[in-house]
Structure formats: structure tokens, C-alpha cells
Amino acid sequence: MTDQHAQIQAAMDAVIDAMKAHLAAVQAADGKVDDDNVWTAYVALNNASYAYDDLLLDAYGEVTPWDVDRIDPDSLDQAVSAMTELAEATDPHSHVVSVRQRRDYRVPSVSALIKAAEAARKESLNEDEGAEEPVESVGEAVLELLQSGDGSLAALDVPELEPLDGLVAVVEAETPLDLGDYDETDGAGPFGVAAVDRLVGRLDEQPYADLDDEG
């Protein structure tokens, strides 16, 4: 076996090994985007294929079906890192968006609202779950409706609550909400807009505005 033949055989073996390593990295990533191990294995496979193709062309004038160019992993990583840093430095917008909603209700009948809350609780409880404390106020009743409705405000669309004005505010925030920063009894802190945050705008909800205009 000539030295050139041995080089081509070694290059081919390197391609096969690189293909196996690339497959293993892809399987280990399991669909993860931008996995470093997949990228490293991809570059190794690309460059092994390029080297084999180059040797094959030089020795026999033949090529492989893989039309690839050599990748310099160091220079490409530096370029991607530089582009990422530039995008982060020049992006004027925050990457955290906070949506805050307030909706007020009038309670025509306290007893009717409490009955509706107790009915919602009973419907949501499993047979194995024991009875809970009775609902004793309008606040507890609304909370019970929300909990029974998995926290959705749609759970408050009941005849026992008459909607008043409300609003939705969109804020570009410097940092995301960390519930550990606030006591459970703190109802104002988590909704405050910091000096570095920006209020983009708000949508006003006036359920009876159209009826008032018609009158």
C-alpha cells in the first residue's frame, strides 16, 4: 500500500468516525437548538469530508458528492459571538415584556356571588378531596372563582359580577418578575413600574361606554 493510498484510507476512516460522532451528538441533543456538541461534530464531519475529497481529487481526479468548503471553527465562533454582542449592544428594546391587567366589578348580590363561588368549588373538587373553609366575603368568592377556573379571568364572566372599567398595560421591563422578592401580602409591589421600565401603552376597557353614548 502506497503512502498516498494509506492517507486516503485514513481520511475515509476519519469521515466515517466523524459521521458516527455527529449522529451521536444529534441524538443526545434530542432536538435542542444551537447545541454546542452538535455544532462541533458538524464542523468535524464537514472538514473530514473536505479533506477526503481533496485527497481523492489529487490522487485520482475524482470527487465525492459532498460539495463542501473547509470551516475554521475558531474564526466562525468568534464571528458569531461578535454578531451576538453587537445585536445585544445596539438593540434599543428590552427583552422582557410585562402585561398587567386590572378589571373592577360591582357585586349586585353578595349572597348570590358566594353561592356561585361555592358551586364552582364543588364542581372543581374531586370526590376524594375534603371540604374546605366556607366562602365568607366577596373577595374570597372571586378568588374561589379564579382558582376553580385555573386563574383565567374568563371565570369571572358570571351574572353575579357586573363588570366596570378596566385596563391592560404593556410595559417593557428591565428585569422579569421574581415572586420571591415580594411577600404574599404585598399587592402593590409586583405591579409597580420601575424608573428604568417603559410603559408602552394601555388598552382601556369600558364595558358600558357604548350604551352610555347611545343614551
C-alpha atoms as a PDB file:
ATOM      1  CA  MET A   1       0.000   0.000   0.000  1.00  0.00           C
ATOM      2  CA  THR A   2       1.462   3.348  -1.028  1.00  0.00           C
ATOM      3  CA  ASP A   3       1.654   6.298   1.326  1.00  0.00           C
ATOM      4  CA  GLN A   4      -0.937   8.152  -0.737  1.00  0.00           C
ATOM      5  CA  HIS A   5      -3.313   5.204  -0.621  1.00  0.00           C
ATOM      6  CA  ALA A   6      -2.840   4.973   3.142  1.00  0.00           C
ATOM      7  CA  GLN A   7      -3.617   8.680   3.507  1.00  0.00           C
ATOM      8  CA  ILE A   8      -6.848   8.298   1.527  1.00  0.00           C
ATOM      9  CA  GLN A   9      -7.856   5.255   3.576  1.00  0.00           C
ATOM     10  CA  ALA A  10      -7.185   7.144   6.814  1.00  0.00           C
ATOM     11  CA  ALA A  11      -9.160  10.150   5.546  1.00  0.00           C
ATOM     12  CA  MET A  12     -12.099   7.902   4.669  1.00  0.00           C
ATOM     13  CA  ASP A  13     -11.979   6.300   8.117  1.00  0.00           C
ATOM     14  CA  ALA A  14     -11.960   9.803   9.619  1.00  0.00           C
ATOM     15  CA  VAL A  15     -15.136  10.657   7.667  1.00  0.00           C
ATOM     16  CA  ILE A  16     -16.871   7.512   8.955  1.00  0.00           C
ATOM     17  CA  ASP A  17     -15.833   8.246  12.540  1.00  0.00           C
ATOM     18  CA  ALA A  18     -16.992  11.853  12.178  1.00  0.00           C
ATOM     19  CA  MET A  19     -20.356  10.704  10.814  1.00  0.00           C
ATOM     20  CA  LYS A  20     -20.857   8.411  13.823  1.00  0.00           C
ATOM     21  CA  ALA A  21     -19.859  11.187  16.241  1.00  0.00           C
ATOM     22  CA  HIS A  22     -22.217  13.646  14.543  1.00  0.00           C
ATOM     23  CA  LEU A  23     -25.138  11.199  14.740  1.00  0.00           C
ATOM     24  CA  ALA A  24     -24.429  10.554  18.412  1.00  0.00           C
ATOM     25  CA  ALA A  25     -24.340  14.290  19.145  1.00  0.00           C
ATOM     26  CA  VAL A  26     -27.611  14.871  17.289  1.00  0.00           C
ATOM     27  CA  GLN A  27     -29.316  12.046  19.154  1.00  0.00           C
ATOM     28  CA  ALA A  28     -28.004  13.291  22.501  1.00  0.00           C
ATOM     29  CA  ALA A  29     -29.231  16.845  21.787  1.00  0.00           C
ATOM     30  CA  ASP A  30     -32.727  15.453  21.118  1.00  0.00           C
ATOM     31  CA  GLY A  31     -33.897  18.472  19.151  1.00  0.00           C
ATOM     32  CA  LYS A  32     -32.147  21.134  21.249  1.00  0.00           C
ATOM     33  CA  VAL A  33     -31.462  24.236  19.155  1.00  0.00           C
ATOM     34  CA  ASP A  34     -27.882  25.564  18.865  1.00  0.00           C
ATOM     35  CA  ASP A  35     -26.324  22.651  20.750  1.00  0.00           C
ATOM     36  CA  ASP A  36     -22.550  23.146  21.037  1.00  0.00           C
ATOM     37  CA  ASN A  37     -21.759  19.442  20.730  1.00  0.00           C
ATOM     38  CA  VAL A  38     -23.804  19.133  17.535  1.00  0.00           C
ATOM     39  CA  TRP A  39     -22.056  22.155  16.064  1.00  0.00           C
ATOM     40  CA  THR A  40     -18.607  20.790  16.951  1.00  0.00           C
ATOM     41  CA  ALA A  41     -19.457  17.396  15.440  1.00  0.00           C
ATOM     42  CA  TYR A  42     -20.877  19.063  12.325  1.00  0.00           C
ATOM     43  CA  VAL A  43     -17.681  21.044  11.754  1.00  0.00           C
ATOM     44  CA  ALA A  44     -15.576  17.901  12.257  1.00  0.00           C
ATOM     45  CA  LEU A  45     -17.680  15.966   9.737  1.00  0.00           C
ATOM     46  CA  ASN A  46     -17.574  18.832   7.244  1.00  0.00           C
ATOM     47  CA  ASN A  47     -13.798  19.198   7.466  1.00  0.00           C
ATOM     48  CA  ALA A  48     -13.178  15.433   7.362  1.00  0.00           C
ATOM     49  CA  SER A  49     -15.292  15.236   4.206  1.00  0.00           C
ATOM     50  CA  TYR A  50     -13.395  18.162   2.697  1.00  0.00           C
ATOM     51  CA  ALA A  51     -10.021  16.540   3.426  1.00  0.00           C
ATOM     52  CA  TYR A  52     -11.104  13.203   1.946  1.00  0.00           C
ATOM     53  CA  ASP A  53     -12.490  14.874  -1.176  1.00  0.00           C
ATOM     54  CA  ASP A  54      -9.270  16.874  -1.614  1.00  0.00           C
ATOM     55  CA  LEU A  55      -7.067  13.752  -1.372  1.00  0.00           C
ATOM     56  CA  LEU A  56      -9.335  11.815  -3.741  1.00  0.00           C
ATOM     57  CA  LEU A  57      -9.171  14.594  -6.307  1.00  0.00           C
ATOM     58  CA  ASP A  58      -5.408  14.889  -6.056  1.00  0.00           C
ATOM     59  CA  ALA A  59      -4.786  11.144  -6.401  1.00  0.00           C
ATOM     60  CA  TYR A  60      -7.416  10.077  -8.921  1.00  0.00           C
ATOM     61  CA  GLY A  61      -9.107  13.194 -10.290  1.00  0.00           C
ATOM     62  CA  GLU A  62     -12.353  12.076  -8.672  1.00  0.00           C
ATOM     63  CA  VAL A  63     -14.624  13.853  -6.209  1.00  0.00           C
ATOM     64  CA  THR A  64     -17.283  12.930  -3.676  1.00  0.00           C
ATOM     65  CA  PRO A  65     -20.943  14.042  -3.848  1.00  0.00           C
ATOM     66  CA  TRP A  66     -20.263  16.366  -0.899  1.00  0.00           C
ATOM     67  CA  ASP A  67     -19.632  19.876  -2.192  1.00  0.00           C
ATOM     68  CA  VAL A  68     -18.234  21.413   0.983  1.00  0.00           C
ATOM     69  CA  ASP A  69     -15.674  24.037   1.934  1.00  0.00           C
ATOM     70  CA  ARG A  70     -13.473  23.809   4.981  1.00  0.00           C
ATOM     71  CA  ILE A  71     -14.830  25.551   8.077  1.00  0.00           C
ATOM     72  CA  ASP A  72     -12.488  27.283  10.504  1.00  0.00           C
ATOM     73  CA  PRO A  73     -14.305  26.643  13.805  1.00  0.00           C
ATOM     74  CA  ASP A  74     -12.310  29.247  15.716  1.00  0.00           C
ATOM     75  CA  SER A  75     -12.903  32.119  13.308  1.00  0.00           C
ATOM     76  CA  LEU A  76     -16.583  31.267  12.834  1.00  0.00           C
ATOM     77  CA  ASP A  77     -17.232  31.053  16.581  1.00  0.00           C
ATOM     78  CA  GLN A  78     -15.599  34.447  17.008  1.00  0.00           C
ATOM     79  CA  ALA A  79     -17.727  35.936  14.228  1.00  0.00           C
ATOM     80  CA  VAL A  80     -20.970  34.562  15.706  1.00  0.00           C
ATOM     81  CA  SER A  81     -20.009  35.794  19.169  1.00  0.00           C
ATOM     82  CA  ALA A  82     -19.210  39.252  17.812  1.00  0.00           C
ATOM     83  CA  MET A  83     -22.540  39.440  15.961  1.00  0.00           C
ATOM     84  CA  THR A  84     -24.418  38.403  19.108  1.00  0.00           C
ATOM     85  CA  GLU A  85     -22.650  41.020  21.214  1.00  0.00           C
ATOM     86  CA  LEU A  86     -23.338  43.680  18.589  1.00  0.00           C
ATOM     87  CA  ALA A  87     -27.041  42.816  18.441  1.00  0.00           C
ATOM     88  CA  GLU A  88     -27.337  42.976  22.222  1.00  0.00           C
ATOM     89  CA  ALA A  89     -25.440  46.272  22.392  1.00  0.00           C
ATOM     90  CA  THR A  90     -27.464  48.002  19.657  1.00  0.00           C
ATOM     91  CA  ASP A  91     -30.935  46.608  20.410  1.00  0.00           C
ATOM     92  CA  PRO A  92     -32.855  49.531  21.992  1.00  0.00           C
ATOM     93  CA  HIS A  93     -35.709  47.351  23.194  1.00  0.00           C
ATOM     94  CA  SER A  94     -35.975  45.373  26.373  1.00  0.00           C
ATOM     95  CA  HIS A  95     -36.227  41.597  26.122  1.00  0.00           C
ATOM     96  CA  VAL A  96     -38.794  41.406  28.940  1.00  0.00           C
ATOM     97  CA  VAL A  97     -42.389  42.444  28.279  1.00  0.00           C
ATOM     98  CA  SER A  98     -44.793  42.707  31.196  1.00  0.00           C
ATOM     99  CA  VAL A  99     -48.567  42.652  30.631  1.00  0.00           C
ATOM    100  CA  ARG A 100     -50.628  43.935  33.558  1.00  0.00           C
ATOM    101  CA  GLN A 101     -54.404  43.913  33.794  1.00  0.00           C
ATOM    102  CA  ARG A 102     -56.943  45.423  36.152  1.00  0.00           C
ATOM    103  CA  ARG A 103     -60.670  44.842  35.967  1.00  0.00           C
ATOM    104  CA  ASP A 104     -63.200  46.065  38.541  1.00  0.00           C
ATOM    105  CA  TYR A 105     -66.630  44.601  39.241  1.00  0.00           C
ATOM    106  CA  ARG A 106     -69.774  45.654  41.071  1.00  0.00           C
ATOM    107  CA  VAL A 107     -71.428  42.968  43.195  1.00  0.00           C
ATOM    108  CA  PRO A 108     -75.236  43.262  42.906  1.00  0.00           C
ATOM    109  CA  SER A 109     -75.841  40.467  45.434  1.00  0.00           C
ATOM    110  CA  VAL A 110     -73.233  39.268  47.921  1.00  0.00           C
ATOM    111  CA  SER A 111     -75.163  36.114  48.770  1.00  0.00           C
ATOM    112  CA  ALA A 112     -75.591  35.199  45.087  1.00  0.00           C
ATOM    113  CA  LEU A 113     -71.869  35.648  44.433  1.00  0.00           C
ATOM    114  CA  ILE A 114     -70.916  33.477  47.404  1.00  0.00           C
ATOM    115  CA  LYS A 115     -73.322  30.752  46.261  1.00  0.00           C
ATOM    116  CA  ALA A 116     -71.788  30.863  42.762  1.00  0.00           C
ATOM    117  CA  ALA A 117     -68.303  30.538  44.232  1.00  0.00           C
ATOM    118  CA  GLU A 118     -69.278  27.589  46.412  1.00  0.00           C
ATOM    119  CA  ALA A 119     -70.897  25.885  43.414  1.00  0.00           C
ATOM    120  CA  ALA A 120     -67.759  26.426  41.335  1.00  0.00           C
ATOM    121  CA  ARG A 121     -65.603  24.967  44.114  1.00  0.00           C
ATOM    122  CA  LYS A 122     -67.843  21.920  44.460  1.00  0.00           C
ATOM    123  CA  GLU A 123     -67.716  21.303  40.718  1.00  0.00           C
ATOM    124  CA  SER A 124     -63.909  21.559  40.589  1.00  0.00           C
ATOM    125  CA  LEU A 125     -63.207  19.342  43.622  1.00  0.00           C
ATOM    126  CA  ASN A 126     -62.557  15.628  43.253  1.00  0.00           C
ATOM    127  CA  GLU A 127     -64.613  13.191  45.265  1.00  0.00           C
ATOM    128  CA  ASP A 128     -61.549  12.270  47.346  1.00  0.00           C
ATOM    129  CA  GLU A 129     -60.876  15.872  48.350  1.00  0.00           C
ATOM    130  CA  GLY A 130     -62.302  17.065  51.612  1.00  0.00           C
ATOM    131  CA  ALA A 131     -64.429  20.135  52.236  1.00  0.00           C
ATOM    132  CA  GLU A 132     -62.697  23.478  52.554  1.00  0.00           C
ATOM    133  CA  GLU A 133     -63.412  26.525  54.675  1.00  0.00           C
ATOM    134  CA  PRO A 134     -66.659  28.312  53.768  1.00  0.00           C
ATOM    135  CA  VAL A 135     -66.579  31.357  51.493  1.00  0.00           C
ATOM    136  CA  GLU A 136     -67.258  34.361  53.734  1.00  0.00           C
ATOM    137  CA  SER A 137     -66.594  37.504  51.650  1.00  0.00           C
ATOM    138  CA  VAL A 138     -66.831  38.842  48.123  1.00  0.00           C
ATOM    139  CA  GLY A 139     -63.023  38.790  47.834  1.00  0.00           C
ATOM    140  CA  GLU A 140     -62.876  35.131  48.817  1.00  0.00           C
ATOM    141  CA  ALA A 141     -65.680  34.401  46.368  1.00  0.00           C
ATOM    142  CA  VAL A 142     -63.848  35.991  43.442  1.00  0.00           C
ATOM    143  CA  LEU A 143     -60.627  34.209  44.379  1.00  0.00           C
ATOM    144  CA  GLU A 144     -62.537  30.921  44.504  1.00  0.00           C
ATOM    145  CA  LEU A 145     -63.962  31.540  41.025  1.00  0.00           C
ATOM    146  CA  LEU A 146     -60.472  32.272  39.674  1.00  0.00           C
ATOM    147  CA  GLN A 147     -58.966  29.176  41.278  1.00  0.00           C
ATOM    148  CA  SER A 148     -61.785  26.991  40.001  1.00  0.00           C
ATOM    149  CA  GLY A 149     -61.223  28.445  36.527  1.00  0.00           C
ATOM    150  CA  ASP A 150     -57.426  27.822  36.574  1.00  0.00           C
ATOM    151  CA  GLY A 151     -56.691  31.519  37.049  1.00  0.00           C
ATOM    152  CA  SER A 152     -58.407  32.695  33.877  1.00  0.00           C
ATOM    153  CA  LEU A 153     -60.353  35.972  34.070  1.00  0.00           C
ATOM    154  CA  ALA A 154     -62.982  34.300  31.917  1.00  0.00           C
ATOM    155  CA  ALA A 155     -64.078  32.577  35.133  1.00  0.00           C
ATOM    156  CA  LEU A 156     -65.383  35.964  36.304  1.00  0.00           C
ATOM    157  CA  ASP A 157     -67.788  36.304  33.386  1.00  0.00           C
ATOM    158  CA  VAL A 158     -70.766  35.340  35.549  1.00  0.00           C
ATOM    159  CA  PRO A 159     -74.111  37.077  36.164  1.00  0.00           C
ATOM    160  CA  GLU A 160     -73.170  37.612  39.806  1.00  0.00           C
ATOM    161  CA  LEU A 161     -70.438  40.099  38.805  1.00  0.00           C
ATOM    162  CA  GLU A 162     -71.167  43.326  36.924  1.00  0.00           C
ATOM    163  CA  PRO A 163     -68.048  44.478  35.014  1.00  0.00           C
ATOM    164  CA  LEU A 164     -66.855  48.054  35.473  1.00  0.00           C
ATOM    165  CA  ASP A 165     -63.908  49.855  33.891  1.00  0.00           C
ATOM    166  CA  GLY A 166     -60.627  48.036  33.433  1.00  0.00           C
ATOM    167  CA  LEU A 167     -57.344  48.351  31.589  1.00  0.00           C
ATOM    168  CA  VAL A 168     -54.450  46.351  30.174  1.00  0.00           C
ATOM    169  CA  ALA A 169     -50.973  47.910  30.353  1.00  0.00           C
ATOM    170  CA  VAL A 170     -47.930  46.748  28.348  1.00  0.00           C
ATOM    171  CA  VAL A 171     -44.538  47.508  29.907  1.00  0.00           C
ATOM    172  CA  GLU A 172     -41.012  46.915  28.618  1.00  0.00           C
ATOM    173  CA  ALA A 173     -39.285  45.825  31.825  1.00  0.00           C
ATOM    174  CA  GLU A 174     -35.617  45.787  32.740  1.00  0.00           C
ATOM    175  CA  THR A 175     -35.911  42.508  34.664  1.00  0.00           C
ATOM    176  CA  PRO A 176     -38.558  39.780  34.878  1.00  0.00           C
ATOM    177  CA  LEU A 177     -40.800  39.323  37.886  1.00  0.00           C
ATOM    178  CA  ASP A 178     -39.267  37.376  40.771  1.00  0.00           C
ATOM    179  CA  LEU A 179     -42.042  36.335  43.132  1.00  0.00           C
ATOM    180  CA  GLY A 180     -39.519  35.691  45.875  1.00  0.00           C
ATOM    181  CA  ASP A 181     -38.860  39.438  46.113  1.00  0.00           C
ATOM    182  CA  TYR A 182     -42.343  40.147  47.466  1.00  0.00           C
ATOM    183  CA  ASP A 183     -44.361  38.984  50.449  1.00  0.00           C
ATOM    184  CA  GLU A 184     -47.614  37.164  49.734  1.00  0.00           C
ATOM    185  CA  THR A 185     -49.444  40.077  51.379  1.00  0.00           C
ATOM    186  CA  ASP A 186     -47.801  42.655  49.072  1.00  0.00           C
ATOM    187  CA  GLY A 187     -50.426  43.574  46.490  1.00  0.00           C
ATOM    188  CA  ALA A 188     -48.715  46.681  45.111  1.00  0.00           C
ATOM    189  CA  GLY A 189     -45.031  45.843  44.738  1.00  0.00           C
ATOM    190  CA  PRO A 190     -45.267  43.252  41.947  1.00  0.00           C
ATOM    191  CA  PHE A 191     -47.319  45.658  39.814  1.00  0.00           C
ATOM    192  CA  GLY A 192     -45.100  48.719  40.211  1.00  0.00           C
ATOM    193  CA  VAL A 193     -43.351  50.163  37.153  1.00  0.00           C
ATOM    194  CA  ALA A 194     -39.683  50.832  37.923  1.00  0.00           C
ATOM    195  CA  ALA A 195     -37.956  54.017  36.808  1.00  0.00           C
ATOM    196  CA  VAL A 196     -35.947  52.076  34.212  1.00  0.00           C
ATOM    197  CA  ASP A 197     -39.071  50.395  32.789  1.00  0.00           C
ATOM    198  CA  ARG A 198     -41.090  51.876  29.930  1.00  0.00           C
ATOM    199  CA  LEU A 199     -44.867  51.961  29.705  1.00  0.00           C
ATOM    200  CA  VAL A 200     -45.558  51.232  26.021  1.00  0.00           C
ATOM    201  CA  GLY A 201     -49.274  51.886  26.261  1.00  0.00           C
ATOM    202  CA  ARG A 202     -52.554  50.729  27.694  1.00  0.00           C
ATOM    203  CA  LEU A 203     -55.898  49.476  26.457  1.00  0.00           C
ATOM    204  CA  ASP A 204     -58.925  50.829  28.316  1.00  0.00           C
ATOM    205  CA  GLU A 205     -61.938  48.602  28.932  1.00  0.00           C
ATOM    206  CA  GLN A 206     -65.264  50.403  29.350  1.00  0.00           C
ATOM    207  CA  PRO A 207     -67.997  47.761  29.078  1.00  0.00           C
ATOM    208  CA  TYR A 208     -70.919  50.203  29.153  1.00  0.00           C
ATOM    209  CA  ALA A 209     -69.398  53.117  27.201  1.00  0.00           C
ATOM    210  CA  ASP A 210     -71.322  52.300  24.021  1.00  0.00           C
ATOM    211  CA  LEU A 211     -74.610  52.092  25.895  1.00  0.00           C
ATOM    212  CA  ASP A 212     -73.991  55.475  27.509  1.00  0.00           C
ATOM    213  CA  ASP A 213     -73.226  57.057  24.127  1.00  0.00           C
ATOM    214  CA  GLU A 214     -76.456  55.695  22.660  1.00  0.00           C
ATOM    215  CA  GLY A 215     -78.440  57.126  25.548  1.00  0.00           C
END
